[in-house]
């Protein structure tokens, strides 16, 4: 039993997860967990479906559908790899931004120092 998730929805879910991880500064931990669970993705997805399906039927339809999409999405190893790559991209982007801000602030401090010393 497999349900294909719309590629746009898949990108949206991956982006949401990756941004949350990077915003919380948990890149290393998340990548470690995702890499270590990647080989078991299909089994974990099936177990999730088995144990959570009765509860998903009780939920409102839109929430149940979204939860099913997450479960089916995490059955694929490629999803884990896509999330890891996106986390790394966002983390590198964040590091570049911090470095750029650091350079700009050093320039301002130098100008202030030069102003007071001259």
PDB file of N, CA and C in Angstrom:
ATOM      1  N   UNK A   1       0.848  -1.183   0.000  1.00  0.00           N
ATOM      2  CA  UNK A   1       0.000   0.000   0.000  1.00  0.00           C
ATOM      3  C   UNK A   1       0.890   1.242   0.000  1.00  0.00           C
ATOM      4  N   UNK A   2       0.856   1.947  -1.091  1.00  0.00           N
ATOM      5  CA  UNK A   2       1.705   3.118  -1.205  1.00  0.00           C
ATOM      6  C   UNK A   2       0.896   4.300  -1.714  1.00  0.00           C
ATOM      7  N   UNK A   3       1.194   5.442  -1.187  1.00  0.00           N
ATOM      8  CA  UNK A   3       0.497   6.655  -1.582  1.00  0.00           C
ATOM      9  C   UNK A   3       1.549   7.637  -2.071  1.00  0.00           C
ATOM     10  N   UNK A   4       1.395   8.093  -3.288  1.00  0.00           N
ATOM     11  CA  UNK A   4       2.339   9.064  -3.807  1.00  0.00           C
ATOM     12  C   UNK A   4       1.971  10.444  -3.289  1.00  0.00           C
ATOM     13  N   UNK A   5       2.978  11.128  -2.795  1.00  0.00           N
ATOM     14  CA  UNK A   5       2.785  12.483  -2.311  1.00  0.00           C
ATOM     15  C   UNK A   5       3.126  13.424  -3.448  1.00  0.00           C
ATOM     16  N   UNK A   6       2.308  14.434  -3.644  1.00  0.00           N
ATOM     17  CA  UNK A   6       2.528  15.432  -4.672  1.00  0.00           C
ATOM     18  C   UNK A   6       3.937  16.027  -4.512  1.00  0.00           C
ATOM     19  N   UNK A   7       4.721  16.112  -5.595  1.00  0.00           N
ATOM     20  CA  UNK A   7       6.097  16.629  -5.480  1.00  0.00           C
ATOM     21  C   UNK A   7       6.186  18.018  -4.854  1.00  0.00           C
ATOM     22  N   UNK A   8       5.225  18.874  -5.150  1.00  0.00           N
ATOM     23  CA  UNK A   8       5.228  20.208  -4.550  1.00  0.00           C
ATOM     24  C   UNK A   8       5.003  20.132  -3.050  1.00  0.00           C
ATOM     25  N   UNK A   9       4.075  19.264  -2.641  1.00  0.00           N
ATOM     26  CA  UNK A   9       3.799  19.077  -1.217  1.00  0.00           C
ATOM     27  C   UNK A   9       5.017  18.469  -0.530  1.00  0.00           C
ATOM     28  N   UNK A  10       5.688  17.553  -1.221  1.00  0.00           N
ATOM     29  CA  UNK A  10       6.897  16.930  -0.675  1.00  0.00           C
ATOM     30  C   UNK A  10       7.975  17.986  -0.426  1.00  0.00           C
ATOM     31  N   UNK A  11       8.189  18.871  -1.391  1.00  0.00           N
ATOM     32  CA  UNK A  11       9.173  19.942  -1.228  1.00  0.00           C
ATOM     33  C   UNK A  11       8.796  20.853  -0.066  1.00  0.00           C
ATOM     34  N   UNK A  12       7.507  21.137   0.046  1.00  0.00           N
ATOM     35  CA  UNK A  12       7.028  21.996   1.123  1.00  0.00           C
ATOM     36  C   UNK A  12       7.294  21.361   2.493  1.00  0.00           C
ATOM     37  N   UNK A  13       7.023  20.077   2.612  1.00  0.00           N
ATOM     38  CA  UNK A  13       7.241  19.370   3.875  1.00  0.00           C
ATOM     39  C   UNK A  13       8.726  19.332   4.214  1.00  0.00           C
ATOM     40  N   UNK A  14       9.556  19.016   3.228  1.00  0.00           N
ATOM     41  CA  UNK A  14      11.002  18.954   3.448  1.00  0.00           C
ATOM     42  C   UNK A  14      11.539  20.323   3.857  1.00  0.00           C
ATOM     43  N   UNK A  15      11.084  21.361   3.183  1.00  0.00           N
ATOM     44  CA  UNK A  15      11.520  22.725   3.511  1.00  0.00           C
ATOM     45  C   UNK A  15      11.112  23.091   4.936  1.00  0.00           C
ATOM     46  N   UNK A  16       9.902  22.753   5.301  1.00  0.00           N
ATOM     47  CA  UNK A  16       9.385  23.060   6.636  1.00  0.00           C
ATOM     48  C   UNK A  16      10.228  22.373   7.715  1.00  0.00           C
ATOM     49  N   UNK A  17      10.533  21.108   7.513  1.00  0.00           N
ATOM     50  CA  UNK A  17      11.331  20.356   8.482  1.00  0.00           C
ATOM     51  C   UNK A  17      12.746  20.927   8.560  1.00  0.00           C
ATOM     52  N   UNK A  18      13.359  21.156   7.402  1.00  0.00           N
ATOM     53  CA  UNK A  18      14.741  21.651   7.371  1.00  0.00           C
ATOM     54  C   UNK A  18      14.847  23.034   8.012  1.00  0.00           C
ATOM     55  N   UNK A  19      13.927  23.917   7.711  1.00  0.00           N
ATOM     56  CA  UNK A  19      13.962  25.267   8.295  1.00  0.00           C
ATOM     57  C   UNK A  19      13.791  25.207   9.813  1.00  0.00           C
ATOM     58  N   UNK A  20      12.906  24.351  10.282  1.00  0.00           N
ATOM     59  CA  UNK A  20      12.697  24.214  11.722  1.00  0.00           C
ATOM     60  C   UNK A  20      13.996  23.765  12.402  1.00  0.00           C
ATOM     61  N   UNK A  21      14.652  22.777  11.813  1.00  0.00           N
ATOM     62  CA  UNK A  21      15.894  22.250  12.383  1.00  0.00           C
ATOM     63  C   UNK A  21      16.973  23.329  12.411  1.00  0.00           C
ATOM     64  N   UNK A  22      17.143  24.050  11.320  1.00  0.00           N
ATOM     65  CA  UNK A  22      18.185  25.076  11.239  1.00  0.00           C
ATOM     66  C   UNK A  22      17.860  26.251  12.154  1.00  0.00           C
ATOM     67  N   UNK A  23      16.602  26.639  12.243  1.00  0.00           N
ATOM     68  CA  UNK A  23      16.213  27.735  13.131  1.00  0.00           C
ATOM     69  C   UNK A  23      16.505  27.406  14.592  1.00  0.00           C
ATOM     70  N   UNK A  24      16.405  26.149  14.956  1.00  0.00           N
ATOM     71  CA  UNK A  24      16.668  25.717  16.337  1.00  0.00           C
ATOM     72  C   UNK A  24      18.131  25.349  16.566  1.00  0.00           C
ATOM     73  N   UNK A  25      18.990  25.545  15.566  1.00  0.00           N
ATOM     74  CA  UNK A  25      20.418  25.211  15.636  1.00  0.00           C
ATOM     75  C   UNK A  25      20.651  23.745  16.019  1.00  0.00           C
ATOM     76  N   UNK A  26      19.907  22.854  15.391  1.00  0.00           N
ATOM     77  CA  UNK A  26      20.031  21.426  15.680  1.00  0.00           C
ATOM     78  C   UNK A  26      20.462  20.645  14.444  1.00  0.00           C
ATOM     79  N   UNK A  27      21.279  21.263  13.600  1.00  0.00           N
ATOM     80  CA  UNK A  27      21.679  20.629  12.350  1.00  0.00           C
ATOM     81  C   UNK A  27      22.425  19.321  12.576  1.00  0.00           C
ATOM     82  N   UNK A  28      23.421  19.349  13.446  1.00  0.00           N
ATOM     83  CA  UNK A  28      24.256  18.170  13.668  1.00  0.00           C
ATOM     84  C   UNK A  28      23.436  17.011  14.228  1.00  0.00           C
ATOM     85  N   UNK A  29      22.616  17.292  15.220  1.00  0.00           N
ATOM     86  CA  UNK A  29      21.803  16.249  15.833  1.00  0.00           C
ATOM     87  C   UNK A  29      20.808  15.663  14.843  1.00  0.00           C
ATOM     88  N   UNK A  30      20.176  16.527  14.062  1.00  0.00           N
ATOM     89  CA  UNK A  30      19.181  16.058  13.104  1.00  0.00           C
ATOM     90  C   UNK A  30      19.818  15.200  12.018  1.00  0.00           C
ATOM     91  N   UNK A  31      20.955  15.628  11.517  1.00  0.00           N
ATOM     92  CA  UNK A  31      21.637  14.848  10.479  1.00  0.00           C
ATOM     93  C   UNK A  31      22.070  13.499  11.031  1.00  0.00           C
ATOM     94  N   UNK A  32      22.558  13.483  12.265  1.00  0.00           N
ATOM     95  CA  UNK A  32      22.954  12.221  12.897  1.00  0.00           C
ATOM     96  C   UNK A  32      21.762  11.267  12.999  1.00  0.00           C
ATOM     97  N   UNK A  33      20.636  11.768  13.465  1.00  0.00           N
ATOM     98  CA  UNK A  33      19.443  10.928  13.620  1.00  0.00           C
ATOM     99  C   UNK A  33      18.931  10.459  12.259  1.00  0.00           C
ATOM    100  N   UNK A  34      18.871  11.350  11.297  1.00  0.00           N
ATOM    101  CA  UNK A  34      18.375  10.972   9.975  1.00  0.00           C
ATOM    102  C   UNK A  34      19.281   9.950   9.299  1.00  0.00           C
ATOM    103  N   UNK A  35      20.586  10.156   9.395  1.00  0.00           N
ATOM    104  CA  UNK A  35      21.520   9.198   8.791  1.00  0.00           C
ATOM    105  C   UNK A  35      21.427   7.831   9.452  1.00  0.00           C
ATOM    106  N   UNK A  36      21.263   7.815  10.768  1.00  0.00           N
ATOM    107  CA  UNK A  36      21.221   6.531  11.462  1.00  0.00           C
ATOM    108  C   UNK A  36      19.897   5.798  11.261  1.00  0.00           C
ATOM    109  N   UNK A  37      18.844   6.516  10.955  1.00  0.00           N
ATOM    110  CA  UNK A  37      17.540   5.881  10.756  1.00  0.00           C
ATOM    111  C   UNK A  37      17.205   5.617   9.290  1.00  0.00           C
ATOM    112  N   UNK A  38      18.048   6.097   8.399  1.00  0.00           N
ATOM    113  CA  UNK A  38      17.788   5.933   6.968  1.00  0.00           C
ATOM    114  C   UNK A  38      17.610   4.469   6.549  1.00  0.00           C
ATOM    115  N   UNK A  39      18.454   3.532   7.014  1.00  0.00           N
ATOM    116  CA  UNK A  39      18.274   2.135   6.590  1.00  0.00           C
ATOM    117  C   UNK A  39      16.961   1.513   7.077  1.00  0.00           C
ATOM    118  N   UNK A  40      16.389   2.055   8.126  1.00  0.00           N
ATOM    119  CA  UNK A  40      15.157   1.491   8.682  1.00  0.00           C
ATOM    120  C   UNK A  40      13.909   2.257   8.265  1.00  0.00           C
ATOM    121  N   UNK A  41      14.042   3.142   7.297  1.00  0.00           N
ATOM    122  CA  UNK A  41      12.940   4.038   6.957  1.00  0.00           C
ATOM    123  C   UNK A  41      11.660   3.295   6.568  1.00  0.00           C
ATOM    124  N   UNK A  42      11.776   2.281   5.737  1.00  0.00           N
ATOM    125  CA  UNK A  42      10.570   1.581   5.289  1.00  0.00           C
ATOM    126  C   UNK A  42       9.901   0.862   6.452  1.00  0.00           C
ATOM    127  N   UNK A  43      10.696   0.181   7.257  1.00  0.00           N
ATOM    128  CA  UNK A  43      10.134  -0.554   8.401  1.00  0.00           C
ATOM    129  C   UNK A  43       9.482   0.402   9.391  1.00  0.00           C
ATOM    130  N   UNK A  44      10.144   1.518   9.669  1.00  0.00           N
ATOM    131  CA  UNK A  44       9.569   2.490  10.598  1.00  0.00           C
ATOM    132  C   UNK A  44       8.289   3.097  10.029  1.00  0.00           C
ATOM    133  N   UNK A  45       8.272   3.352   8.725  1.00  0.00           N
ATOM    134  CA  UNK A  45       7.065   3.882   8.105  1.00  0.00           C
ATOM    135  C   UNK A  45       5.904   2.914   8.202  1.00  0.00           C
ATOM    136  N   UNK A  46       6.172   1.634   7.979  1.00  0.00           N
ATOM    137  CA  UNK A  46       5.118   0.623   8.082  1.00  0.00           C
ATOM    138  C   UNK A  46       4.615   0.489   9.520  1.00  0.00           C
ATOM    139  N   UNK A  47       5.548   0.526  10.474  1.00  0.00           N
ATOM    140  CA  UNK A  47       5.146   0.440  11.876  1.00  0.00           C
ATOM    141  C   UNK A  47       4.317   1.662  12.266  1.00  0.00           C
ATOM    142  N   UNK A  48       4.723   2.821  11.776  1.00  0.00           N
ATOM    143  CA  UNK A  48       3.960   4.033  12.053  1.00  0.00           C
ATOM    144  C   UNK A  48       2.548   3.932  11.508  1.00  0.00           C
ATOM    145  N   UNK A  49       2.430   3.440  10.281  1.00  0.00           N
ATOM    146  CA  UNK A  49       1.104   3.261   9.693  1.00  0.00           C
ATOM    147  C   UNK A  49       0.269   2.272  10.506  1.00  0.00           C
ATOM    148  N   UNK A  50       0.897   1.188  10.903  1.00  0.00           N
ATOM    149  CA  UNK A  50       0.183   0.146  11.640  1.00  0.00           C
ATOM    150  C   UNK A  50      -0.320   0.668  12.981  1.00  0.00           C
ATOM    151  N   UNK A  51       0.539   1.349  13.718  1.00  0.00           N
ATOM    152  CA  UNK A  51       0.169   1.797  15.051  1.00  0.00           C
ATOM    153  C   UNK A  51      -0.640   3.087  15.073  1.00  0.00           C
ATOM    154  N   UNK A  52      -0.447   3.951  14.091  1.00  0.00           N
ATOM    155  CA  UNK A  52      -1.128   5.245  14.104  1.00  0.00           C
ATOM    156  C   UNK A  52      -2.401   5.290  13.275  1.00  0.00           C
ATOM    157  N   UNK A  53      -2.603   4.328  12.379  1.00  0.00           N
ATOM    158  CA  UNK A  53      -3.781   4.345  11.511  1.00  0.00           C
ATOM    159  C   UNK A  53      -5.102   4.441  12.274  1.00  0.00           C
ATOM    160  N   UNK A  54      -5.292   3.694  13.342  1.00  0.00           N
ATOM    161  CA  UNK A  54      -6.573   3.827  14.066  1.00  0.00           C
ATOM    162  C   UNK A  54      -6.799   5.240  14.601  1.00  0.00           C
ATOM    163  N   UNK A  55      -5.735   5.900  15.023  1.00  0.00           N
ATOM    164  CA  UNK A  55      -5.879   7.241  15.569  1.00  0.00           C
ATOM    165  C   UNK A  55      -6.070   8.284  14.466  1.00  0.00           C
ATOM    166  N   UNK A  56      -5.492   8.033  13.296  1.00  0.00           N
ATOM    167  CA  UNK A  56      -5.629   8.963  12.180  1.00  0.00           C
ATOM    168  C   UNK A  56      -7.068   9.000  11.671  1.00  0.00           C
ATOM    169  N   UNK A  57      -7.768   7.878  11.821  1.00  0.00           N
ATOM    170  CA  UNK A  57      -9.171   7.840  11.383  1.00  0.00           C
ATOM    171  C   UNK A  57     -10.072   8.675  12.276  1.00  0.00           C
ATOM    172  N   UNK A  58      -9.663   8.941  13.488  1.00  0.00           N
ATOM    173  CA  UNK A  58     -10.461   9.733  14.424  1.00  0.00           C
ATOM    174  C   UNK A  58     -10.295  11.227  14.160  1.00  0.00           C
ATOM    175  N   UNK A  59      -9.144  11.610  13.626  1.00  0.00           N
ATOM    176  CA  UNK A  59      -8.825  13.025  13.403  1.00  0.00           C
ATOM    177  C   UNK A  59      -9.673  13.627  12.286  1.00  0.00           C
ATOM    178  N   UNK A  60      -9.741  14.950  12.262  1.00  0.00           N
ATOM    179  CA  UNK A  60     -10.417  15.609  11.137  1.00  0.00           C
ATOM    180  C   UNK A  60      -9.743  15.215   9.821  1.00  0.00           C
ATOM    181  N   UNK A  61     -10.494  15.164   8.729  1.00  0.00           N
ATOM    182  CA  UNK A  61      -9.958  14.670   7.451  1.00  0.00           C
ATOM    183  C   UNK A  61      -8.690  15.377   6.969  1.00  0.00           C
ATOM    184  N   UNK A  62      -8.623  16.708   7.079  1.00  0.00           N
ATOM    185  CA  UNK A  62      -7.446  17.412   6.574  1.00  0.00           C
ATOM    186  C   UNK A  62      -6.198  17.093   7.401  1.00  0.00           C
ATOM    187  N   UNK A  63      -6.346  16.936   8.694  1.00  0.00           N
ATOM    188  CA  UNK A  63      -5.215  16.582   9.547  1.00  0.00           C
ATOM    189  C   UNK A  63      -4.804  15.130   9.328  1.00  0.00           C
ATOM    190  N   UNK A  64      -5.776  14.271   9.148  1.00  0.00           N
ATOM    191  CA  UNK A  64      -5.501  12.861   8.889  1.00  0.00           C
ATOM    192  C   UNK A  64      -4.753  12.699   7.562  1.00  0.00           C
ATOM    193  N   UNK A  65      -5.170  13.450   6.549  1.00  0.00           N
ATOM    194  CA  UNK A  65      -4.519  13.376   5.241  1.00  0.00           C
ATOM    195  C   UNK A  65      -3.078  13.842   5.325  1.00  0.00           C
ATOM    196  N   UNK A  66      -2.839  14.950   6.022  1.00  0.00           N
ATOM    197  CA  UNK A  66      -1.486  15.473   6.183  1.00  0.00           C
ATOM    198  C   UNK A  66      -0.607  14.484   6.931  1.00  0.00           C
ATOM    199  N   UNK A  67      -1.132  13.891   7.974  1.00  0.00           N
ATOM    200  CA  UNK A  67      -0.365  12.910   8.750  1.00  0.00           C
ATOM    201  C   UNK A  67      -0.022  11.702   7.893  1.00  0.00           C
ATOM    202  N   UNK A  68      -0.962  11.252   7.088  1.00  0.00           N
ATOM    203  CA  UNK A  68      -0.693  10.135   6.182  1.00  0.00           C
ATOM    204  C   UNK A  68       0.408  10.491   5.188  1.00  0.00           C
ATOM    205  N   UNK A  69       0.406  11.730   4.702  1.00  0.00           N
ATOM    206  CA  UNK A  69       1.446  12.162   3.766  1.00  0.00           C
ATOM    207  C   UNK A  69       2.823  12.084   4.423  1.00  0.00           C
ATOM    208  N   UNK A  70       2.923  12.542   5.664  1.00  0.00           N
ATOM    209  CA  UNK A  70       4.193  12.466   6.384  1.00  0.00           C
ATOM    210  C   UNK A  70       4.636  11.015   6.530  1.00  0.00           C
ATOM    211  N   UNK A  71       3.711  10.145   6.919  1.00  0.00           N
ATOM    212  CA  UNK A  71       4.059   8.736   7.118  1.00  0.00           C
ATOM    213  C   UNK A  71       4.535   8.085   5.815  1.00  0.00           C
ATOM    214  N   UNK A  72       3.810   8.323   4.737  1.00  0.00           N
ATOM    215  CA  UNK A  72       4.207   7.734   3.456  1.00  0.00           C
ATOM    216  C   UNK A  72       5.509   8.343   2.944  1.00  0.00           C
ATOM    217  N   UNK A  73       5.704   9.612   3.204  1.00  0.00           N
ATOM    218  CA  UNK A  73       6.918  10.278   2.755  1.00  0.00           C
ATOM    219  C   UNK A  73       8.151   9.713   3.460  1.00  0.00           C
ATOM    220  N   UNK A  74       8.027   9.425   4.739  1.00  0.00           N
ATOM    221  CA  UNK A  74       9.168   8.926   5.506  1.00  0.00           C
ATOM    222  C   UNK A  74       9.435   7.442   5.295  1.00  0.00           C
ATOM    223  N   UNK A  75       8.686   6.792   4.441  1.00  0.00           N
ATOM    224  CA  UNK A  75       8.982   5.410   4.093  1.00  0.00           C
ATOM    225  C   UNK A  75      10.086   5.329   3.044  1.00  0.00           C
ATOM    226  N   UNK A  76      10.361   6.443   2.385  1.00  0.00           N
ATOM    227  CA  UNK A  76      11.349   6.449   1.309  1.00  0.00           C
ATOM    228  C   UNK A  76      12.689   6.973   1.815  1.00  0.00           C
ATOM    229  N   UNK A  77      13.750   6.256   1.482  1.00  0.00           N
ATOM    230  CA  UNK A  77      15.098   6.681   1.883  1.00  0.00           C
ATOM    231  C   UNK A  77      15.481   8.003   1.233  1.00  0.00           C
ATOM    232  N   UNK A  78      14.990   8.209   0.018  1.00  0.00           N
ATOM    233  CA  UNK A  78      15.335   9.452  -0.689  1.00  0.00           C
ATOM    234  C   UNK A  78      14.885  10.671   0.094  1.00  0.00           C
ATOM    235  N   UNK A  79      13.784  10.541   0.806  1.00  0.00           N
ATOM    236  CA  UNK A  79      13.275  11.668   1.582  1.00  0.00           C
ATOM    237  C   UNK A  79      14.278  12.062   2.661  1.00  0.00           C
ATOM    238  N   UNK A  80      14.841  11.062   3.327  1.00  0.00           N
ATOM    239  CA  UNK A  80      15.840  11.341   4.354  1.00  0.00           C
ATOM    240  C   UNK A  80      17.023  12.094   3.746  1.00  0.00           C
ATOM    241  N   UNK A  81      17.473  11.634   2.585  1.00  0.00           N
ATOM    242  CA  UNK A  81      18.612  12.272   1.929  1.00  0.00           C
ATOM    243  C   UNK A  81      18.269  13.698   1.506  1.00  0.00           C
ATOM    244  N   UNK A  82      17.072  13.912   1.001  1.00  0.00           N
ATOM    245  CA  UNK A  82      16.655  15.263   0.597  1.00  0.00           C
ATOM    246  C   UNK A  82      16.612  16.209   1.796  1.00  0.00           C
ATOM    247  N   UNK A  83      16.112  15.714   2.924  1.00  0.00           N
ATOM    248  CA  UNK A  83      16.054  16.547   4.129  1.00  0.00           C
ATOM    249  C   UNK A  83      17.466  16.887   4.593  1.00  0.00           C
ATOM    250  N   UNK A  84      18.352  15.896   4.599  1.00  0.00           N
ATOM    251  CA  UNK A  84      19.734  16.126   5.025  1.00  0.00           C
ATOM    252  C   UNK A  84      20.407  17.162   4.122  1.00  0.00           C
ATOM    253  N   UNK A  85      20.244  17.026   2.811  1.00  0.00           N
ATOM    254  CA  UNK A  85      20.849  17.984   1.883  1.00  0.00           C
ATOM    255  C   UNK A  85      20.295  19.388   2.094  1.00  0.00           C
ATOM    256  N   UNK A  86      18.989  19.482   2.312  1.00  0.00           N
ATOM    257  CA  UNK A  86      18.375  20.804   2.517  1.00  0.00           C
ATOM    258  C   UNK A  86      18.848  21.427   3.831  1.00  0.00           C
ATOM    259  N   UNK A  87      18.985  20.615   4.868  1.00  0.00           N
ATOM    260  CA  UNK A  87      19.498  21.124   6.142  1.00  0.00           C
ATOM    261  C   UNK A  87      20.914  21.653   5.952  1.00  0.00           C
ATOM    262  N   UNK A  88      21.742  20.916   5.230  1.00  0.00           N
ATOM    263  CA  UNK A  88      23.115  21.358   4.985  1.00  0.00           C
ATOM    264  C   UNK A  88      23.143  22.657   4.173  1.00  0.00           C
ATOM    265  N   UNK A  89      22.277  22.766   3.160  1.00  0.00           N
ATOM    266  CA  UNK A  89      22.222  23.992   2.358  1.00  0.00           C
ATOM    267  C   UNK A  89      21.828  25.188   3.221  1.00  0.00           C
ATOM    268  N   UNK A  90      20.781  25.025   4.020  1.00  0.00           N
ATOM    269  CA  UNK A  90      20.319  26.125   4.865  1.00  0.00           C
ATOM    270  C   UNK A  90      21.357  26.478   5.931  1.00  0.00           C
ATOM    271  N   UNK A  91      22.040  25.476   6.450  1.00  0.00           N
ATOM    272  CA  UNK A  91      23.069  25.717   7.456  1.00  0.00           C
ATOM    273  C   UNK A  91      24.238  26.494   6.860  1.00  0.00           C
ATOM    274  N   UNK A  92      24.661  26.123   5.655  1.00  0.00           N
ATOM    275  CA  UNK A  92      25.735  26.862   4.981  1.00  0.00           C
ATOM    276  C   UNK A  92      25.320  28.287   4.670  1.00  0.00           C
ATOM    277  N   UNK A  93      24.079  28.461   4.251  1.00  0.00           N
ATOM    278  CA  UNK A  93      23.551  29.795   3.967  1.00  0.00           C
ATOM    279  C   UNK A  93      23.547  30.649   5.234  1.00  0.00           C
ATOM    280  N   UNK A  94      23.143  30.046   6.336  1.00  0.00           N
ATOM    281  CA  UNK A  94      23.108  30.744   7.623  1.00  0.00           C
ATOM    282  C   UNK A  94      24.517  31.139   8.062  1.00  0.00           C
ATOM    283  N   UNK A  95      25.485  30.251   7.860  1.00  0.00           N
ATOM    284  CA  UNK A  95      26.872  30.539   8.228  1.00  0.00           C
ATOM    285  C   UNK A  95      27.427  31.682   7.384  1.00  0.00           C
ATOM    286  N   UNK A  96      27.130  31.678   6.077  1.00  0.00           N
ATOM    287  CA  UNK A  96      27.585  32.774   5.208  1.00  0.00           C
ATOM    288  C   UNK A  96      26.989  34.105   5.644  1.00  0.00           C
ATOM    289  N   UNK A  97      25.724  34.084   6.011  1.00  0.00           N
ATOM    290  CA  UNK A  97      25.056  35.309   6.455  1.00  0.00           C
ATOM    291  C   UNK A  97      25.693  35.831   7.736  1.00  0.00           C
ATOM    292  N   UNK A  98      25.970  34.933   8.678  1.00  0.00           N
ATOM    293  CA  UNK A  98      26.614  35.349   9.928  1.00  0.00           C
ATOM    294  C   UNK A  98      27.994  35.927   9.660  1.00  0.00           C
ATOM    295  N   UNK A  99      28.733  35.295   8.753  1.00  0.00           N
ATOM    296  CA  UNK A  99      30.077  35.763   8.419  1.00  0.00           C
ATOM    297  C   UNK A  99      30.002  37.152   7.790  1.00  0.00           C
ATOM    298  N   UNK A 100      29.020  37.351   6.897  1.00  0.00           N
ATOM    299  CA  UNK A 100      28.849  38.643   6.231  1.00  0.00           C
ATOM    300  C   UNK A 100      28.486  39.726   7.242  1.00  0.00           C
ATOM    301  N   UNK A 101      27.593  39.411   8.161  1.00  0.00           N
ATOM    302  CA  UNK A 101      27.202  40.381   9.187  1.00  0.00           C
ATOM    303  C   UNK A 101      28.393  40.713  10.073  1.00  0.00           C
ATOM    304  N   UNK A 102      29.204  39.699  10.387  1.00  0.00           N
ATOM    305  CA  UNK A 102      30.408  39.929  11.195  1.00  0.00           C
ATOM    306  C   UNK A 102      31.374  40.868  10.518  1.00  0.00           C
ATOM    307  N   UNK A 103      31.552  40.703   9.209  1.00  0.00           N
ATOM    308  CA  UNK A 103      32.449  41.587   8.455  1.00  0.00           C
ATOM    309  C   UNK A 103      31.924  43.018   8.452  1.00  0.00           C
ATOM    310  N   UNK A 104      30.620  43.161   8.265  1.00  0.00           N
ATOM    311  CA  UNK A 104      30.029  44.497   8.229  1.00  0.00           C
ATOM    312  C   UNK A 104      30.158  45.182   9.578  1.00  0.00           C
ATOM    313  N   UNK A 105      29.949  44.444  10.656  1.00  0.00           N
ATOM    314  CA  UNK A 105      30.033  45.062  11.977  1.00  0.00           C
ATOM    315  C   UNK A 105      31.476  45.432  12.306  1.00  0.00           C
ATOM    316  N   UNK A 106      32.454  44.648  11.845  1.00  0.00           N
ATOM    317  CA  UNK A 106      33.850  45.002  12.061  1.00  0.00           C
ATOM    318  C   UNK A 106      34.177  46.300  11.344  1.00  0.00           C
ATOM    319  N   UNK A 107      33.613  46.492  10.162  1.00  0.00           N
ATOM    320  CA  UNK A 107      33.838  47.722   9.420  1.00  0.00           C
ATOM    321  C   UNK A 107      33.284  48.926  10.153  1.00  0.00           C
ATOM    322  N   UNK A 108      32.143  48.776  10.765  1.00  0.00           N
ATOM    323  CA  UNK A 108      31.524  49.878  11.511  1.00  0.00           C
ATOM    324  C   UNK A 108      32.358  50.189  12.748  1.00  0.00           C
ATOM    325  N   UNK A 109      32.804  49.153  13.449  1.00  0.00           N
ATOM    326  CA  UNK A 109      33.624  49.373  14.637  1.00  0.00           C
ATOM    327  C   UNK A 109      34.934  50.065  14.287  1.00  0.00           C
ATOM    328  N   UNK A 110      35.509  49.711  13.147  1.00  0.00           N
ATOM    329  CA  UNK A 110      36.755  50.345  12.716  1.00  0.00           C
ATOM    330  C   UNK A 110      36.517  51.824  12.417  1.00  0.00           C
ATOM    331  N   UNK A 111      35.403  52.126  11.795  1.00  0.00           N
ATOM    332  CA  UNK A 111      35.087  53.521  11.492  1.00  0.00           C
ATOM    333  C   UNK A 111      34.901  54.333  12.773  1.00  0.00           C
ATOM    334  N   UNK A 112      34.208  53.741  13.747  1.00  0.00           N
ATOM    335  CA  UNK A 112      33.992  54.437  15.024  1.00  0.00           C
ATOM    336  C   UNK A 112      35.335  54.656  15.725  1.00  0.00           C
ATOM    337  N   UNK A 113      36.181  53.627  15.731  1.00  0.00           N
ATOM    338  CA  UNK A 113      37.502  53.723  16.356  1.00  0.00           C
ATOM    339  C   UNK A 113      38.336  54.805  15.679  1.00  0.00           C
ATOM    340  N   UNK A 114      38.328  54.808  14.349  1.00  0.00           N
ATOM    341  CA  UNK A 114      39.086  55.818  13.604  1.00  0.00           C
ATOM    342  C   UNK A 114      38.555  57.223  13.884  1.00  0.00           C
ATOM    343  N   UNK A 115      37.252  57.349  14.050  1.00  0.00           N
ATOM    344  CA  UNK A 115      36.638  58.654  14.316  1.00  0.00           C
ATOM    345  C   UNK A 115      37.127  59.201  15.655  1.00  0.00           C
ATOM    346  N   UNK A 116      37.141  58.352  16.674  1.00  0.00           N
ATOM    347  CA  UNK A 116      37.522  58.826  17.998  1.00  0.00           C
ATOM    348  C   UNK A 116      39.025  58.993  18.165  1.00  0.00           C
ATOM    349  N   UNK A 117      39.809  58.234  17.408  1.00  0.00           N
ATOM    350  CA  UNK A 117      41.258  58.326  17.539  1.00  0.00           C
ATOM    351  C   UNK A 117      41.866  59.404  16.654  1.00  0.00           C
ATOM    352  N   UNK A 118      41.134  59.922  15.701  1.00  0.00           N
ATOM    353  CA  UNK A 118      41.724  60.956  14.844  1.00  0.00           C
ATOM    354  C   UNK A 118      41.365  62.341  15.269  1.00  0.00           C
TER     355      UNK A 118
END
